[in-house]
């Protein structure tokens, strides 16, 4: 009888050790589960996953999806081929890393959104695909339910957890649940938005706003609270789409904002913000609301890049500014000197491997093993859940 409390105490100590395994190395969790039955039992317990997520909070960067293209000269008229390739930055390896004919557009809440290449002017012929790299679940969405024609090529889309509008999820372990895809595009002089629901398996009716400016295709987006923000093309403003009310409204940027290469982002305090590189510095701006309800932009932080990045990066002209994209608390910067990750919490900057594309999508998600056999050369998605 005395052995039982000792065994429980040992399990608690083992769990404390396993909880400290870096979340960006899921293969190490699997290796720990294979040490012995008691360690496997600890990892398989229902509460371990929850405690592991709560301890680390920020999903790790598991890899990038970069676009690759080539020309097929086997026919009389060369055809341009396009694909998206998963480039790992961790021990995670999805079973299908390449998606031929699909272009990675956005990653959110454990899923990746692709569009079919080429994307045409008739929305009735266009396709979107949602992929979960952890479970390898793929769902090709139906055509957009409306068919205005002609349709501008100016558009953008994101994939989100379906609980986002009501705020009922912490997004640490929601990738197996229902999801939404928000599509925003331009038709003549109007901007429209519609939402696909995986539960209803259908698109909503579109919401319209009269607006002469166009949405910036493929540019960064930001989810802040229950609103999605997107960048206009060449205009000194951004677009707000309220996921609860489905209303569309414009928001002005600071003066000369249209001249900057900006990346929209959610700030650590939950406000809307953006990042831009200017004169060897990374400038962070946030939108503040005054006591009278008036909103304004204010520069919240400046990070010196010249001391840690090569000279050829710090002296870039506006036309060759670094390509920025964001994650949760991270900024990914692609430059002519390589790829860099900036941790906004610690301020640390590190150089990453080459993910081979100017247009790249970071994939951030937790990955906890289900204690099946590992793939050779890395921990695969069909051996895990997240």
Protein backbone atom coordinates (compact mmCIF):
# COMPACT_ATOMS: atom_id res chain seq x y z
CA UNK A 1 0.00 0.00 0.00
CA UNK A 2 2.93 2.33 0.66
CA UNK A 3 4.06 2.04 -2.96
CA UNK A 4 1.02 3.79 -4.39
CA UNK A 5 1.73 7.27 -2.92
CA UNK A 6 5.37 6.94 -3.94
CA UNK A 7 4.33 6.07 -7.49
CA UNK A 8 1.97 9.04 -7.62
CA UNK A 9 4.71 11.33 -6.35
CA UNK A 10 7.09 9.99 -8.99
CA UNK A 11 4.49 10.60 -11.71
CA UNK A 12 4.09 14.17 -10.52
CA UNK A 13 7.83 14.73 -10.67
CA UNK A 14 8.03 13.18 -14.15
CA UNK A 15 5.17 15.38 -15.31
CA UNK A 16 6.94 18.51 -14.05
CA UNK A 17 9.97 17.51 -16.11
CA UNK A 18 7.96 16.70 -19.24
CA UNK A 19 6.03 19.97 -19.02
CA UNK A 20 9.34 21.78 -19.49
CA UNK A 21 10.13 20.14 -22.83
CA UNK A 22 10.23 22.88 -25.49
CA UNK A 23 6.93 22.87 -27.42
CA UNK A 24 8.81 23.35 -30.68
CA UNK A 25 10.30 19.84 -30.44
CA UNK A 26 7.37 17.35 -30.52
CA UNK A 27 9.75 14.49 -31.35
CA UNK A 28 11.25 14.84 -27.87
CA UNK A 29 7.81 14.37 -26.31
CA UNK A 30 7.36 11.19 -28.31
CA UNK A 31 10.81 9.95 -27.31
CA UNK A 32 9.93 10.57 -23.66
CA UNK A 33 6.73 8.53 -24.03
CA UNK A 34 8.76 5.58 -25.29
CA UNK A 35 11.08 5.54 -22.26
CA UNK A 36 8.75 3.41 -20.12
CA UNK A 37 5.06 2.70 -19.45
CA UNK A 38 4.85 5.13 -16.53
CA UNK A 39 6.15 8.05 -18.63
CA UNK A 40 3.79 7.10 -21.41
CA UNK A 41 0.92 7.07 -18.91
CA UNK A 42 1.82 10.58 -17.75
CA UNK A 43 1.88 11.94 -21.31
CA UNK A 44 -1.37 10.18 -22.21
CA UNK A 45 -3.26 11.59 -19.22
CA UNK A 46 -6.11 13.93 -20.13
CA UNK A 47 -4.77 16.78 -18.03
CA UNK A 48 -1.23 16.80 -19.44
CA UNK A 49 -2.24 18.40 -22.73
CA UNK A 50 -4.13 21.21 -20.96
CA UNK A 51 -1.30 21.88 -18.49
CA UNK A 52 1.29 21.80 -21.28
CA UNK A 53 -0.62 24.44 -23.29
CA UNK A 54 -1.27 26.62 -20.26
CA UNK A 55 2.39 26.55 -19.29
CA UNK A 56 3.78 27.55 -22.69
CA UNK A 57 0.81 29.67 -23.87
CA UNK A 58 2.29 30.71 -27.23
CA UNK A 59 2.12 28.03 -29.94
CA UNK A 60 5.59 27.27 -31.33
CA UNK A 61 6.72 27.91 -34.87
CA UNK A 62 6.76 24.47 -36.53
CA UNK A 63 7.59 25.58 -40.06
CA UNK A 64 6.86 27.81 -43.04
CA UNK A 65 4.81 27.30 -46.17
CA UNK A 66 6.58 28.97 -49.06
CA UNK A 67 5.47 29.25 -52.66
CA UNK A 68 7.63 27.60 -55.32
CA UNK A 69 7.17 27.96 -59.07
CA UNK A 70 8.73 26.50 -62.19
CA UNK A 71 8.10 26.35 -65.91
CA UNK A 72 7.03 23.20 -67.76
CA UNK A 73 8.76 23.19 -71.16
CA UNK A 74 7.47 19.77 -72.19
CA UNK A 75 4.70 21.34 -74.28
CA UNK A 76 4.82 23.82 -77.15
CA UNK A 77 3.72 26.70 -74.91
CA UNK A 78 5.55 26.67 -71.55
CA UNK A 79 3.20 26.45 -68.57
CA UNK A 80 3.95 28.11 -65.24
CA UNK A 81 3.59 25.65 -62.37
CA UNK A 82 3.06 26.66 -58.76
CA UNK A 83 3.10 24.79 -55.46
CA UNK A 84 3.41 25.43 -51.75
CA UNK A 85 6.05 23.54 -49.79
CA UNK A 86 6.26 23.02 -46.04
CA UNK A 87 9.74 23.92 -44.76
CA UNK A 88 10.16 22.68 -41.16
CA UNK A 89 11.82 24.72 -38.45
CA UNK A 90 11.29 21.98 -35.85
CA UNK A 91 11.16 18.19 -35.61
CA UNK A 92 7.57 18.23 -36.93
CA UNK A 93 7.06 16.71 -40.39
CA UNK A 94 3.60 16.68 -42.00
CA UNK A 95 2.89 13.64 -44.21
CA UNK A 96 2.15 15.85 -47.22
CA UNK A 97 4.41 18.87 -47.21
CA UNK A 98 3.97 19.83 -50.87
CA UNK A 99 0.69 21.09 -52.36
CA UNK A 100 1.02 21.22 -56.12
CA UNK A 101 -1.26 23.74 -57.80
CA UNK A 102 -2.14 25.42 -54.48
CA UNK A 103 -0.79 28.68 -53.06
CA UNK A 104 -0.54 29.15 -49.28
CA UNK A 105 -2.36 32.33 -48.31
CA UNK A 106 -2.85 32.34 -44.53
CA UNK A 107 -2.43 30.22 -41.40
CA UNK A 108 -4.60 30.64 -38.33
CA UNK A 109 -5.53 28.59 -35.27
CA UNK A 110 -3.75 25.43 -36.45
CA UNK A 111 -4.91 25.43 -40.08
CA UNK A 112 -3.59 26.66 -43.43
CA UNK A 113 -5.65 28.29 -46.18
CA UNK A 114 -4.70 27.79 -49.85
CA UNK A 115 -6.13 29.06 -53.12
CA UNK A 116 -6.06 27.24 -56.42
CA UNK A 117 -3.60 28.55 -59.00
CA UNK A 118 -4.39 30.30 -61.25
CA UNK A 119 -7.02 32.44 -59.54
CA UNK A 120 -9.40 33.78 -62.17
CA UNK A 121 -11.78 36.70 -62.49
CA UNK A 122 -14.90 34.53 -62.27
CA UNK A 123 -15.46 33.48 -58.63
CA UNK A 124 -17.64 30.58 -59.76
CA UNK A 125 -14.50 28.82 -60.99
CA UNK A 126 -12.18 29.60 -58.08
CA UNK A 127 -11.31 27.26 -55.23
CA UNK A 128 -10.06 27.54 -51.65
CA UNK A 129 -8.62 24.70 -49.56
CA UNK A 130 -8.21 24.37 -45.78
CA UNK A 131 -5.53 21.97 -44.49
CA UNK A 132 -4.67 20.87 -40.95
CA UNK A 133 -0.95 19.91 -41.05
CA UNK A 134 -1.23 18.07 -37.71
CA UNK A 135 -4.07 15.70 -38.63
CA UNK A 136 -3.64 16.03 -42.45
CA UNK A 137 -7.36 16.77 -42.77
CA UNK A 138 -8.10 18.64 -46.01
CA UNK A 139 -11.33 20.32 -47.06
CA UNK A 140 -11.85 21.97 -50.43
CA UNK A 141 -14.46 24.70 -50.07
CA UNK A 142 -17.39 25.11 -52.45
CA UNK A 143 -17.35 28.01 -54.92
CA UNK A 144 -18.37 31.38 -53.58
CA UNK A 145 -22.15 31.46 -53.35
CA UNK A 146 -22.47 34.72 -55.28
CA UNK A 147 -21.24 35.32 -58.80
CA UNK A 148 -20.76 38.99 -59.66
CA UNK A 149 -18.88 39.48 -62.89
CA UNK A 150 -16.44 40.89 -63.69
CA UNK A 151 -14.65 40.27 -60.40
CA UNK A 152 -11.48 42.17 -59.45
CA UNK A 153 -8.36 40.17 -58.64
CA UNK A 154 -8.02 42.35 -55.52
CA UNK A 155 -9.01 40.16 -52.57
CA UNK A 156 -7.82 38.44 -49.41
CA UNK A 157 -8.98 35.62 -47.13
CA UNK A 158 -8.17 34.09 -43.73
CA UNK A 159 -9.01 30.90 -41.81
CA UNK A 160 -10.10 31.17 -38.17
CA UNK A 161 -11.50 29.12 -35.32
CA UNK A 162 -15.31 29.23 -35.44
CA UNK A 163 -15.44 30.35 -31.81
CA UNK A 164 -13.60 33.60 -32.61
CA UNK A 165 -16.64 35.95 -32.87
CA UNK A 166 -17.98 34.97 -29.45
CA UNK A 167 -14.58 34.74 -27.75
CA UNK A 168 -15.27 31.26 -26.38
CA UNK A 169 -11.87 29.73 -27.14
CA UNK A 170 -8.27 30.39 -26.11
CA UNK A 171 -7.09 28.97 -29.48
CA UNK A 172 -4.46 26.72 -27.89
CA UNK A 173 -6.11 23.44 -28.88
CA UNK A 174 -8.99 24.27 -31.22
CA UNK A 175 -7.82 22.94 -34.57
CA UNK A 176 -10.10 19.88 -34.42
CA UNK A 177 -13.20 22.01 -33.99
CA UNK A 178 -15.25 23.95 -36.57
CA UNK A 179 -13.64 26.78 -38.51
CA UNK A 180 -14.51 29.89 -40.53
CA UNK A 181 -13.01 31.30 -43.72
CA UNK A 182 -13.47 35.05 -44.21
CA UNK A 183 -13.23 36.30 -47.80
CA UNK A 184 -12.96 40.00 -48.62
CA UNK A 185 -12.74 41.27 -52.20
CA UNK A 186 -13.48 44.12 -54.58
CA UNK A 187 -16.29 44.17 -57.15
CA UNK A 188 -16.24 47.33 -59.27
CA UNK A 189 -16.44 50.17 -56.73
CA UNK A 190 -17.68 48.04 -53.84
CA UNK A 191 -15.90 45.95 -51.22
CA UNK A 192 -17.66 42.79 -50.13
CA UNK A 193 -17.12 40.24 -47.38
CA UNK A 194 -18.60 36.80 -46.83
CA UNK A 195 -17.90 33.96 -44.40
CA UNK A 196 -17.69 30.20 -44.95
CA UNK A 197 -18.74 28.02 -42.00
CA UNK A 198 -17.45 24.44 -41.79
CA UNK A 199 -20.50 23.54 -39.67
CA UNK A 200 -22.96 24.81 -42.28
CA UNK A 201 -20.65 23.79 -45.17
CA UNK A 202 -21.77 26.95 -46.99
CA UNK A 203 -20.92 30.59 -47.59
CA UNK A 204 -22.94 33.39 -46.04
CA UNK A 205 -24.60 36.11 -48.04
CA UNK A 206 -22.11 38.91 -48.77
CA UNK A 207 -21.89 42.23 -46.96
CA UNK A 208 -21.13 45.26 -49.17
CA UNK A 209 -19.53 48.66 -48.64
CA UNK A 210 -19.25 51.38 -51.28
CA UNK A 211 -15.53 52.07 -51.60
CA UNK A 212 -13.35 53.15 -54.57
CA UNK A 213 -10.14 51.65 -53.17
CA UNK A 214 -9.08 48.04 -53.53
CA UNK A 215 -8.10 45.39 -51.00
CA UNK A 216 -4.39 44.57 -51.15
CA UNK A 217 -4.04 41.01 -52.44
CA UNK A 218 -1.91 38.66 -50.27
CA UNK A 219 -0.98 41.40 -47.80
CA UNK A 220 -0.91 40.81 -44.07
CA UNK A 221 -4.05 40.60 -41.95
CA UNK A 222 -4.64 40.95 -38.23
CA UNK A 223 -7.29 39.43 -35.98
CA UNK A 224 -7.94 41.62 -32.94
CA UNK A 225 -10.81 40.65 -30.68
CA UNK A 226 -13.81 39.89 -32.87
CA UNK A 227 -12.63 42.01 -35.82
CA UNK A 228 -10.47 41.26 -38.84
CA UNK A 229 -8.27 43.99 -40.31
CA UNK A 230 -6.87 44.06 -43.85
CA UNK A 231 -4.74 46.46 -45.85
CA UNK A 232 -5.96 48.57 -48.75
CA UNK A 233 -3.98 48.82 -51.98
CA UNK A 234 -2.07 52.09 -52.18
CA UNK A 235 -4.41 53.89 -49.78
CA UNK A 236 -3.67 55.47 -46.43
CA UNK A 237 -6.14 53.26 -44.59
CA UNK A 238 -7.05 49.72 -43.59
CA UNK A 239 -10.31 47.81 -43.56
CA UNK A 240 -12.14 46.53 -40.48
CA UNK A 241 -14.58 43.61 -40.75
CA UNK A 242 -16.57 42.92 -37.59
CA UNK A 243 -17.09 39.15 -37.30
CA UNK A 244 -20.10 39.57 -35.02
CA UNK A 245 -22.10 42.22 -36.84
CA UNK A 246 -20.58 41.52 -40.32
CA UNK A 247 -20.12 45.26 -40.81
CA UNK A 248 -17.30 46.72 -42.94
CA UNK A 249 -15.63 50.06 -42.14
CA UNK A 250 -12.38 51.88 -43.06
CA UNK A 251 -9.72 53.08 -40.60
CA UNK A 252 -7.11 55.71 -41.49
CA UNK A 253 -3.40 55.09 -41.04
CA UNK A 254 -0.95 57.72 -39.80
CA UNK A 255 0.20 60.32 -42.36
CA UNK A 256 2.32 58.76 -45.11
CA UNK A 257 1.16 55.31 -44.01
CA UNK A 258 0.55 54.29 -47.61
CA UNK A 259 4.27 54.85 -48.33
CA UNK A 260 5.35 52.34 -45.68
CA UNK A 261 5.72 48.59 -46.01
CA UNK A 262 3.56 47.73 -43.01
CA UNK A 263 2.51 44.51 -41.35
CA UNK A 264 -0.78 44.55 -39.46
CA UNK A 265 -0.69 42.74 -36.12
CA UNK A 266 -2.38 42.22 -32.78
CA UNK A 267 -0.34 43.84 -30.02
CA UNK A 268 0.44 42.02 -26.78
CA UNK A 269 -2.13 44.14 -24.91
CA UNK A 270 -4.89 43.18 -27.35
CA UNK A 271 -4.91 46.37 -29.42
CA UNK A 272 -4.55 46.75 -33.18
CA UNK A 273 -1.06 47.61 -34.35
CA UNK A 274 1.35 47.45 -37.21
CA UNK A 275 5.08 47.08 -37.76
CA UNK A 276 7.32 48.77 -40.32
CA UNK A 277 11.06 49.00 -40.94
CA UNK A 278 12.53 52.47 -41.42
CA UNK A 279 16.16 53.63 -41.17
CA UNK A 280 17.56 50.47 -39.56
CA UNK A 281 14.79 50.32 -36.98
CA UNK A 282 11.66 48.24 -36.52
CA UNK A 283 8.86 50.62 -35.54
CA UNK A 284 5.77 49.31 -33.77
CA UNK A 285 2.60 51.38 -33.79
CA UNK A 286 -0.62 50.75 -31.88
CA UNK A 287 -4.10 52.21 -32.03
CA UNK A 288 -5.09 53.91 -28.79
CA UNK A 289 -8.52 55.08 -27.66
CA UNK A 290 -8.61 58.30 -25.67
CA UNK A 291 -10.90 59.18 -22.73
CA UNK A 292 -13.41 60.74 -25.13
CA UNK A 293 -13.52 57.65 -27.33
CA UNK A 294 -11.30 59.21 -30.01
CA UNK A 295 -8.90 56.70 -31.56
CA UNK A 296 -5.41 57.64 -32.71
CA UNK A 297 -2.16 55.96 -33.74
CA UNK A 298 0.90 56.15 -31.48
CA UNK A 299 4.37 54.71 -31.84
CA UNK A 300 4.69 52.21 -29.00
CA UNK A 301 8.15 50.71 -29.48
CA UNK A 302 11.32 50.92 -31.56
CA UNK A 303 13.74 48.01 -31.97
CA UNK A 304 17.25 48.77 -33.25
CA UNK A 305 18.18 46.39 -36.07
CA UNK A 306 21.52 47.83 -37.17
CA UNK A 307 23.45 46.28 -34.29
CA UNK A 308 22.23 42.73 -34.92
CA UNK A 309 21.55 42.58 -38.66
CA UNK A 310 24.02 42.78 -41.54
CA UNK A 311 24.79 46.21 -42.97
CA UNK A 312 23.13 45.31 -46.27
CA UNK A 313 19.85 44.88 -44.39
CA UNK A 314 20.03 48.00 -42.26
CA UNK A 315 20.70 50.21 -45.28
CA UNK A 316 17.84 48.97 -47.48
CA UNK A 317 15.87 51.48 -49.52
CA UNK A 318 12.05 51.64 -49.25
CA UNK A 319 11.73 49.72 -52.52
CA UNK A 320 13.72 46.81 -51.08
CA UNK A 321 12.43 46.90 -47.52
CA UNK A 322 12.30 43.57 -45.64
CA UNK A 323 9.24 41.43 -46.24
CA UNK A 324 7.42 41.11 -42.91
CA UNK A 325 4.84 38.64 -41.73
CA UNK A 326 3.68 37.89 -38.22
CA UNK A 327 2.80 35.24 -35.70
CA UNK A 328 1.76 35.28 -32.07
CA UNK A 329 4.35 37.56 -30.46
CA UNK A 330 6.77 37.04 -33.36
CA UNK A 331 7.73 38.93 -36.50
CA UNK A 332 9.29 37.05 -39.40
CA UNK A 333 11.47 39.14 -41.69
CA UNK A 334 12.81 38.02 -45.06
CA UNK A 335 15.69 40.09 -46.42
CA UNK A 336 18.37 39.85 -49.08
CA UNK A 337 20.73 38.70 -46.31
CA UNK A 338 18.52 35.88 -45.05
CA UNK A 339 15.50 35.24 -42.84
CA UNK A 340 15.19 36.54 -39.30
CA UNK A 341 12.75 35.96 -36.44
CA UNK A 342 12.12 38.76 -33.93
CA UNK A 343 10.65 37.79 -30.56
CA UNK A 344 8.70 40.82 -29.38
CA UNK A 345 8.58 39.57 -25.79
CA UNK A 346 12.31 39.06 -25.29
CA UNK A 347 13.54 41.37 -28.05
CA UNK A 348 15.80 38.61 -29.34
CA UNK A 349 16.55 38.34 -33.07
CA UNK A 350 17.79 35.12 -34.62
CA UNK A 351 18.53 34.03 -38.15
CA UNK A 352 16.46 31.18 -39.58
CA UNK A 353 17.02 28.87 -42.50
CA UNK A 354 15.93 29.81 -45.99
CA UNK A 355 12.29 28.93 -46.64
CA UNK A 356 12.82 29.67 -50.32
CA UNK A 357 10.09 32.19 -51.04
CA UNK A 358 9.36 35.88 -50.72
CA UNK A 359 5.74 34.99 -49.97
CA UNK A 360 5.78 32.68 -46.99
CA UNK A 361 3.23 31.69 -44.37
CA UNK A 362 4.41 30.72 -40.85
CA UNK A 363 2.67 27.73 -39.26
CA UNK A 364 2.41 27.93 -35.47
CA UNK A 365 0.67 25.21 -33.47
CA UNK A 366 1.08 22.88 -30.52
CA UNK A 367 1.79 19.26 -31.36
CA UNK A 368 1.28 16.58 -28.68
CA UNK A 369 1.91 12.90 -29.58
CA UNK A 370 -0.80 10.28 -29.53
CA UNK A 371 1.93 7.77 -28.78
CA UNK A 372 2.03 5.94 -32.06
CA UNK A 373 5.23 5.15 -33.93
CA UNK A 374 7.35 8.04 -35.18
CA UNK A 375 8.05 8.73 -38.81
CA UNK A 376 11.59 8.22 -40.03
CA UNK A 377 13.47 11.49 -40.04
CA UNK A 378 11.00 13.45 -37.96
CA UNK A 379 7.78 13.39 -36.03
CA UNK A 380 4.87 13.26 -38.49
CA UNK A 381 1.36 14.62 -38.36
CA UNK A 382 -0.31 11.24 -38.44
CA UNK A 383 1.49 10.43 -35.18
CA UNK A 384 0.18 13.47 -33.36
CA UNK A 385 -2.60 15.77 -32.47
CA UNK A 386 -2.46 19.39 -31.49
